[in-house]
Every structure is written in C-alpha cells, then in structure tokens.
C-alpha atoms as a PDB file:
ATOM      1  CA  MET A   1       0.008   0.094   0.113  1.00  0.00           C
ATOM      2  CA  ALA A   2       2.862   2.373   0.768  1.00  0.00           C
ATOM      3  CA  SER A   3       4.798   1.725  -2.318  1.00  0.00           C
ATOM      4  CA  SER A   4       1.737   2.244  -4.535  1.00  0.00           C
ATOM      5  CA  VAL A   5       1.409   5.845  -2.649  1.00  0.00           C
ATOM      6  CA  VAL A   6       5.053   6.552  -3.274  1.00  0.00           C
ATOM      7  CA  MET A   7       4.673   5.468  -6.839  1.00  0.00           C
ATOM      8  CA  GLN A   8       1.585   7.468  -7.499  1.00  0.00           C
ATOM      9  CA  SER A   9       3.087  10.669  -5.852  1.00  0.00           C
ATOM     10  CA  ILE A  10       6.039   9.964  -8.320  1.00  0.00           C
ATOM     11  CA  LEU A  11       4.404   9.583 -11.669  1.00  0.00           C
ATOM     12  CA  ALA A  12       2.058  12.405 -10.693  1.00  0.00           C
ATOM     13  CA  SER A  13       4.388  14.742  -9.962  1.00  0.00           C
ATOM     14  CA  SER A  14       6.127  16.976 -12.555  1.00  0.00           C
ATOM     15  CA  LYS A  15       9.748  16.467 -11.216  1.00  0.00           C
ATOM     16  CA  THR A  16      11.054  13.606  -8.787  1.00  0.00           C
ATOM     17  CA  PRO A  17      10.189  15.035  -5.007  1.00  0.00           C
ATOM     18  CA  GLY A  18      12.814  14.578  -2.615  1.00  0.00           C
ATOM     19  CA  VAL A  19      15.812  14.257  -5.185  1.00  0.00           C
ATOM     20  CA  THR A  20      18.750  16.632  -4.184  1.00  0.00           C
ATOM     21  CA  GLY A  21      21.499  15.552  -6.253  1.00  0.00           C
ATOM     22  CA  THR A  22      22.020  12.153  -5.865  1.00  0.00           C
ATOM     23  CA  ARG A  23      20.968  11.901  -2.218  1.00  0.00           C
ATOM     24  CA  LEU A  24      17.229  10.809  -2.135  1.00  0.00           C
ATOM     25  CA  SER A  25      15.379  12.569   1.149  1.00  0.00           C
ATOM     26  CA  LEU A  26      11.935  10.465   1.424  1.00  0.00           C
ATOM     27  CA  ILE A  27      12.150   8.039  -1.549  1.00  0.00           C
ATOM     28  CA  PRO A  28      13.764   4.590  -1.284  1.00  0.00           C
ATOM     29  CA  ALA A  29      16.550   3.765  -3.763  1.00  0.00           C
ATOM     30  CA  LYS A  30      14.387   1.683  -5.870  1.00  0.00           C
ATOM     31  CA  TYR A  31      12.370   4.351  -6.737  1.00  0.00           C
ATOM     32  CA  ALA A  32      14.982   7.017  -7.242  1.00  0.00           C
ATOM     33  CA  PHE A  33      15.023   6.580 -11.772  1.00  0.00           C
ATOM     34  CA  ALA A  34      10.994   6.998 -11.944  1.00  0.00           C
ATOM     35  CA  PRO A  35      10.632   9.206 -15.137  1.00  0.00           C
ATOM     36  CA  SER A  36      10.152  12.551 -14.362  1.00  0.00           C
ATOM     37  CA  MET A  37       7.519  13.891 -16.508  1.00  0.00           C
ATOM     38  CA  SER A  38       6.690  17.855 -17.919  1.00  0.00           C
ATOM     39  CA  ARG A  39       2.884  18.763 -18.575  1.00  0.00           C
ATOM     40  CA  GLY A  40       3.802  18.910 -22.668  1.00  0.00           C
ATOM     41  CA  ALA A  41       4.965  15.233 -22.359  1.00  0.00           C
ATOM     42  CA  CYS A  42       1.741  13.697 -22.737  1.00  0.00           C
ATOM     43  CA  SER A  43       0.550  15.777 -25.595  1.00  0.00           C
ATOM     44  CA  LEU A  44       0.663  14.948 -29.528  1.00  0.00           C
ATOM     45  CA  ARG A  45       1.027  16.414 -32.587  1.00  0.00           C
ATOM     46  CA  ILE A  46       0.058  14.791 -35.730  1.00  0.00           C
ATOM     47  CA  ARG A  47       1.247  16.094 -39.265  1.00  0.00           C
ATOM     48  CA  CYS A  48      -0.209  15.231 -42.379  1.00  0.00           C
ATOM     49  CA  MET A  49       0.506  16.236 -45.882  1.00  0.00           C
ATOM     50  CA  ALA A  50      -2.559  18.351 -48.045  1.00  0.00           C
ATOM     51  CA  LYS A  51      -3.100  17.637 -51.475  1.00  0.00           C
ATOM     52  CA  ASP A  52      -1.475  20.906 -52.364  1.00  0.00           C
ATOM     53  CA  GLY A  53       1.688  20.103 -50.308  1.00  0.00           C
ATOM     54  CA  GLN A  54       1.062  22.210 -47.361  1.00  0.00           C
ATOM     55  CA  LYS A  55       1.610  21.132 -43.729  1.00  0.00           C
ATOM     56  CA  LYS A  56      -1.166  21.041 -41.739  1.00  0.00           C
ATOM     57  CA  GLU A  57      -1.651  20.295 -37.767  1.00  0.00           C
ATOM     58  CA  SER A  58      -4.153  19.178 -35.859  1.00  0.00           C
ATOM     59  CA  SER A  59      -5.210  18.086 -32.514  1.00  0.00           C
ATOM     60  CA  PRO A  60      -5.427  14.514 -31.423  1.00  0.00           C
ATOM     61  CA  ALA A  61      -8.828  15.203 -30.637  1.00  0.00           C
ATOM     62  CA  SER A  62      -9.964  16.269 -33.970  1.00  0.00           C
ATOM     63  CA  THR A  63      -8.503  13.275 -35.797  1.00  0.00           C
ATOM     64  CA  ILE A  64     -10.502  10.807 -33.621  1.00  0.00           C
ATOM     65  CA  PRO A  65     -13.503   9.974 -35.380  1.00  0.00           C
ATOM     66  CA  THR A  66     -16.419  10.419 -33.302  1.00  0.00           C
ATOM     67  CA  PRO A  67     -19.290   7.312 -33.284  1.00  0.00           C
ATOM     68  CA  GLN A  68     -22.194   7.761 -35.403  1.00  0.00           C
ATOM     69  CA  PRO A  69     -25.544   7.389 -33.948  1.00  0.00           C
ATOM     70  CA  LYS A  70     -27.017   4.242 -34.979  1.00  0.00           C
ATOM     71  CA  PRO A  71     -30.207   4.887 -37.346  1.00  0.00           C
ATOM     72  CA  LYS A  72     -33.224   3.924 -35.793  1.00  0.00           C
ATOM     73  CA  ALA A  73     -35.087   1.474 -37.648  1.00  0.00           C
ATOM     74  CA  SER A  74     -37.870   2.935 -39.911  1.00  0.00           C
ATOM     75  CA  THR A  75     -41.455   1.985 -38.696  1.00  0.00           C
ATOM     76  CA  SER A  76     -43.557   3.119 -41.822  1.00  0.00           C
ATOM     77  CA  PHE A  77     -45.385   0.296 -43.002  1.00  0.00           C
ATOM     78  CA  PHE A  78     -44.175   0.769 -46.334  1.00  0.00           C
ATOM     79  CA  ASP A  79     -40.682   0.350 -45.155  1.00  0.00           C
ATOM     80  CA  VAL A  80     -41.254  -2.785 -42.894  1.00  0.00           C
ATOM     81  CA  LEU A  81     -42.782  -4.623 -45.816  1.00  0.00           C
ATOM     82  CA  ALA A  82     -40.741  -3.286 -48.576  1.00  0.00           C
ATOM     83  CA  PHE A  83     -39.481  -5.996 -50.946  1.00  0.00           C
ATOM     84  CA  SER A  84     -35.632  -5.137 -49.024  1.00  0.00           C
ATOM     85  CA  GLY A  85     -37.419  -4.725 -45.938  1.00  0.00           C
ATOM     86  CA  PRO A  86     -37.058  -6.612 -42.670  1.00  0.00           C
ATOM     87  CA  ALA A  87     -40.341  -8.551 -42.701  1.00  0.00           C
ATOM     88  CA  PRO A  88     -41.346 -10.324 -45.956  1.00  0.00           C
ATOM     89  CA  GLU A  89     -38.443 -12.983 -46.024  1.00  0.00           C
ATOM     90  CA  ARG A  90     -38.820 -13.453 -42.460  1.00  0.00           C
ATOM     91  CA  ILE A  91     -42.090 -13.631 -42.282  1.00  0.00           C
ATOM     92  CA  ASN A  92     -42.651 -16.496 -45.451  1.00  0.00           C
ATOM     93  CA  GLY A  93     -39.525 -17.914 -43.829  1.00  0.00           C
ATOM     94  CA  ARG A  94     -41.230 -18.582 -40.575  1.00  0.00           C
ATOM     95  CA  LEU A  95     -44.116 -19.623 -41.979  1.00  0.00           C
ATOM     96  CA  ALA A  96     -42.323 -22.148 -44.310  1.00  0.00           C
ATOM     97  CA  MET A  97     -40.777 -23.694 -40.936  1.00  0.00           C
ATOM     98  CA  ILE A  98     -43.795 -24.267 -39.256  1.00  0.00           C
ATOM     99  CA  GLY A  99     -45.593 -25.451 -42.535  1.00  0.00           C
ATOM    100  CA  PHE A 100     -42.627 -27.916 -43.302  1.00  0.00           C
ATOM    101  CA  VAL A 101     -42.622 -29.259 -40.004  1.00  0.00           C
ATOM    102  CA  ALA A 102     -46.567 -29.616 -39.479  1.00  0.00           C
ATOM    103  CA  ALA A 103     -46.536 -31.182 -43.422  1.00  0.00           C
ATOM    104  CA  MET A 104     -43.732 -33.930 -41.973  1.00  0.00           C
ATOM    105  CA  ALA A 105     -45.868 -34.730 -39.257  1.00  0.00           C
ATOM    106  CA  VAL A 106     -49.171 -34.940 -39.935  1.00  0.00           C
ATOM    107  CA  GLU A 107     -47.666 -37.358 -43.171  1.00  0.00           C
ATOM    108  CA  VAL A 108     -45.938 -39.540 -40.647  1.00  0.00           C
ATOM    109  CA  SER A 109     -48.964 -39.566 -38.475  1.00  0.00           C
ATOM    110  CA  ASN A 110     -51.876 -39.970 -40.956  1.00  0.00           C
ATOM    111  CA  GLY A 111     -49.867 -40.857 -44.037  1.00  0.00           C
ATOM    112  CA  GLN A 112     -51.284 -38.040 -46.081  1.00  0.00           C
ATOM    113  CA  ASP A 113     -49.309 -36.654 -48.446  1.00  0.00           C
ATOM    114  CA  VAL A 114     -49.557 -32.211 -48.889  1.00  0.00           C
ATOM    115  CA  PHE A 115     -51.968 -31.961 -51.470  1.00  0.00           C
ATOM    116  CA  SER A 116     -54.258 -34.163 -49.274  1.00  0.00           C
ATOM    117  CA  GLN A 117     -53.488 -32.422 -46.207  1.00  0.00           C
ATOM    118  CA  ILE A 118     -54.691 -29.061 -47.753  1.00  0.00           C
ATOM    119  CA  SER A 119     -57.901 -30.384 -49.413  1.00  0.00           C
ATOM    120  CA  ASN A 120     -58.772 -32.256 -46.315  1.00  0.00           C
ATOM    121  CA  GLY A 121     -59.399 -29.088 -44.354  1.00  0.00           C
ATOM    122  CA  GLY A 122     -55.923 -27.944 -44.337  1.00  0.00           C
ATOM    123  CA  VAL A 123     -56.905 -24.114 -45.683  1.00  0.00           C
ATOM    124  CA  PRO A 124     -58.227 -22.826 -42.419  1.00  0.00           C
ATOM    125  CA  TRP A 125     -55.030 -24.278 -40.279  1.00  0.00           C
ATOM    126  CA  PHE A 126     -52.894 -22.582 -43.027  1.00  0.00           C
ATOM    127  CA  LEU A 127     -55.062 -18.766 -42.717  1.00  0.00           C
ATOM    128  CA  GLY A 128     -54.925 -19.003 -38.920  1.00  0.00           C
ATOM    129  CA  THR A 129     -51.557 -19.726 -38.848  1.00  0.00           C
ATOM    130  CA  SER A 130     -50.449 -16.997 -41.293  1.00  0.00           C
ATOM    131  CA  VAL A 131     -52.283 -14.404 -40.016  1.00  0.00           C
ATOM    132  CA  LEU A 132     -51.311 -15.091 -36.456  1.00  0.00           C
ATOM    133  CA  LEU A 133     -47.593 -15.487 -37.101  1.00  0.00           C
ATOM    134  CA  THR A 134     -47.778 -11.940 -39.624  1.00  0.00           C
ATOM    135  CA  LEU A 135     -49.245 -10.274 -36.629  1.00  0.00           C
ATOM    136  CA  ALA A 136     -46.623 -11.637 -34.256  1.00  0.00           C
ATOM    137  CA  SER A 137     -43.654 -10.917 -36.372  1.00  0.00           C
ATOM    138  CA  LEU A 138     -45.119  -7.359 -37.218  1.00  0.00           C
ATOM    139  CA  VAL A 139     -45.585  -5.853 -34.250  1.00  0.00           C
ATOM    140  CA  PRO A 140     -41.960  -5.776 -32.824  1.00  0.00           C
ATOM    141  CA  LEU A 141     -40.925  -4.290 -36.000  1.00  0.00           C
ATOM    142  CA  PHE A 142     -43.397  -1.534 -35.677  1.00  0.00           C
ATOM    143  CA  LYS A 143     -42.410  -0.602 -32.393  1.00  0.00           C
ATOM    144  CA  GLY A 144     -38.882   0.051 -33.983  1.00  0.00           C
ATOM    145  CA  VAL A 145     -37.125  -3.409 -32.617  1.00  0.00           C
ATOM    146  CA  SER A 146     -34.611  -4.644 -34.725  1.00  0.00           C
ATOM    147  CA  VAL A 147     -34.248  -8.394 -35.361  1.00  0.00           C
ATOM    148  CA  GLN A 148     -30.373  -8.325 -35.538  1.00  0.00           C
ATOM    149  CA  SER A 149     -30.690  -6.690 -31.534  1.00  0.00           C
ATOM    150  CA  LYS A 150     -32.506  -9.683 -30.285  1.00  0.00           C
ATOM    151  CA  SER A 151     -29.993 -12.487 -31.960  1.00  0.00           C
ATOM    152  CA  GLY A 152     -27.430 -13.837 -30.000  1.00  0.00           C
ATOM    153  CA  GLY A 153     -25.143 -17.314 -29.463  1.00  0.00           C
ATOM    154  CA  LEU A 154     -26.925 -19.576 -31.653  1.00  0.00           C
ATOM    155  CA  MET A 155     -30.192 -18.183 -32.222  1.00  0.00           C
ATOM    156  CA  THR A 156     -28.892 -15.462 -34.522  1.00  0.00           C
ATOM    157  CA  SER A 157     -30.984 -13.605 -37.185  1.00  0.00           C
ATOM    158  CA  ASP A 158     -28.929 -14.831 -39.936  1.00  0.00           C
ATOM    159  CA  ALA A 159     -29.493 -18.644 -38.859  1.00  0.00           C
ATOM    160  CA  GLU A 160     -33.042 -17.942 -39.007  1.00  0.00           C
ATOM    161  CA  MET A 161     -32.939 -16.503 -42.328  1.00  0.00           C
ATOM    162  CA  TRP A 162     -30.974 -19.363 -43.543  1.00  0.00           C
ATOM    163  CA  ASN A 163     -33.300 -22.051 -41.700  1.00  0.00           C
ATOM    164  CA  GLY A 164     -36.183 -20.315 -43.543  1.00  0.00           C
ATOM    165  CA  ARG A 165     -34.840 -20.325 -46.940  1.00  0.00           C
ATOM    166  CA  PHE A 166     -34.236 -24.097 -46.130  1.00  0.00           C
ATOM    167  CA  ALA A 167     -37.593 -24.641 -45.130  1.00  0.00           C
ATOM    168  CA  MET A 168     -38.801 -23.025 -48.206  1.00  0.00           C
ATOM    169  CA  LEU A 169     -36.853 -25.224 -50.352  1.00  0.00           C
ATOM    170  CA  GLY A 170     -37.932 -28.165 -48.287  1.00  0.00           C
ATOM    171  CA  LEU A 171     -41.395 -27.468 -48.537  1.00  0.00           C
ATOM    172  CA  VAL A 172     -41.395 -26.999 -52.488  1.00  0.00           C
ATOM    173  CA  ALA A 173     -39.577 -30.169 -52.518  1.00  0.00           C
ATOM    174  CA  LEU A 174     -41.958 -32.161 -50.858  1.00  0.00           C
ATOM    175  CA  ALA A 175     -44.661 -31.018 -52.427  1.00  0.00           C
ATOM    176  CA  PHE A 176     -42.965 -31.654 -55.893  1.00  0.00           C
ATOM    177  CA  THR A 177     -41.722 -34.859 -54.743  1.00  0.00           C
ATOM    178  CA  GLU A 178     -45.047 -36.277 -53.502  1.00  0.00           C
ATOM    179  CA  TYR A 179     -46.720 -35.032 -56.914  1.00  0.00           C
ATOM    180  CA  LEU A 180     -44.401 -36.819 -58.985  1.00  0.00           C
ATOM    181  CA  LYS A 181     -44.475 -40.131 -56.931  1.00  0.00           C
ATOM    182  CA  GLY A 182     -48.264 -39.784 -56.394  1.00  0.00           C
ATOM    183  CA  SER A 183     -48.260 -40.649 -52.827  1.00  0.00           C
ATOM    184  CA  ALA A 184     -46.873 -39.441 -49.268  1.00  0.00           C
ATOM    185  CA  LEU A 185     -43.120 -39.588 -49.176  1.00  0.00           C
ATOM    186  CA  VAL A 186     -43.343 -41.365 -45.838  1.00  0.00           C
END
C-alpha cells in the first residue's frame, strides 16, 4: 500500500520529489530512477500533408472520429413490408418452417401427402397460422425493434434466415416429390 502511494506521487508530479543531487530524502533507492514527466510530454501532434503540399497540424481530439449514432429502424408500413425490408422474407421463412414441420408430422402420423392435407381442411389452419405469425412478427418491427438486436448465441438472425430458406426449399421439394410420386413421401 505504501509503495503504491509513493509510485503514484512520483508519476503524478512534474519532477521527482525529494531528489537533491544524488541523495534521496523521502524516496527509497529503488524508486530513484522514476521518469520525470513534464506537462507537455503527453500531448501529441499529428502532421499530415495536404493535397497542395502544405503541412497542416491538427490536435489529437480532432483526428479521432466520433461514433455516429445508429439510425433507428423505420417503422413505416411501406418500409417494413418493402421488398428489401425486414419483414417479407423473415415472415415467409417462419411460415415455411412451421409448414414444413406440420406437413411432415401429419404425413408421418396419418400418411397423407401435402395436397390431401390441404384439400382435407388444411386451408383454415394455414390461413389462421399465417395471420397469427404475420401479426406476431410485425408488432415488434412496428415498435422499432430490429431483429439483429435480439439475436445472440446460436439463435442469430442469419441462422433464422437460412433455416427459413431451407424450409421454403424443403416444402417445395416435398410437394414436388409427392406430386411426381403420386403418394406420400413417408
């Protein structure tokens, strides 16, 4: 503790206190060679060449870029549902993930293919699930919450996008294979 106080006082002062010639009055011998700092020793000048060949000087504070505030996500209906907006592909991917799992579960349990599932009362279930999932996906986006702010660990927004894309492809491939085969896949 005492050595910490001595070191702080040595480094904080402009000259080493207690040193008179080669004799030390208050500081032990092991601290005698502490660097002396002047007030201007910590300032830094940066020089650069301008385009016209003139030297210009700037202070360190002006060369450090200030962080720009992140723009808040737009909550406009047309921005959220735009072709490149945050909602369309994400909602379609979520619906495809649920649709693929549901189609495979019904196919394994009942032996019905996708087309017979749709014709035997699947349309109301599809519409109800679509409306519910779409509203649940749009509410946070209209409040200004971005999907990237809620992603972390394994459950990232990129992983959700890729899973949705694979589910869309899987659902189309399932329907196409069952159409060509003429019966359920499983």
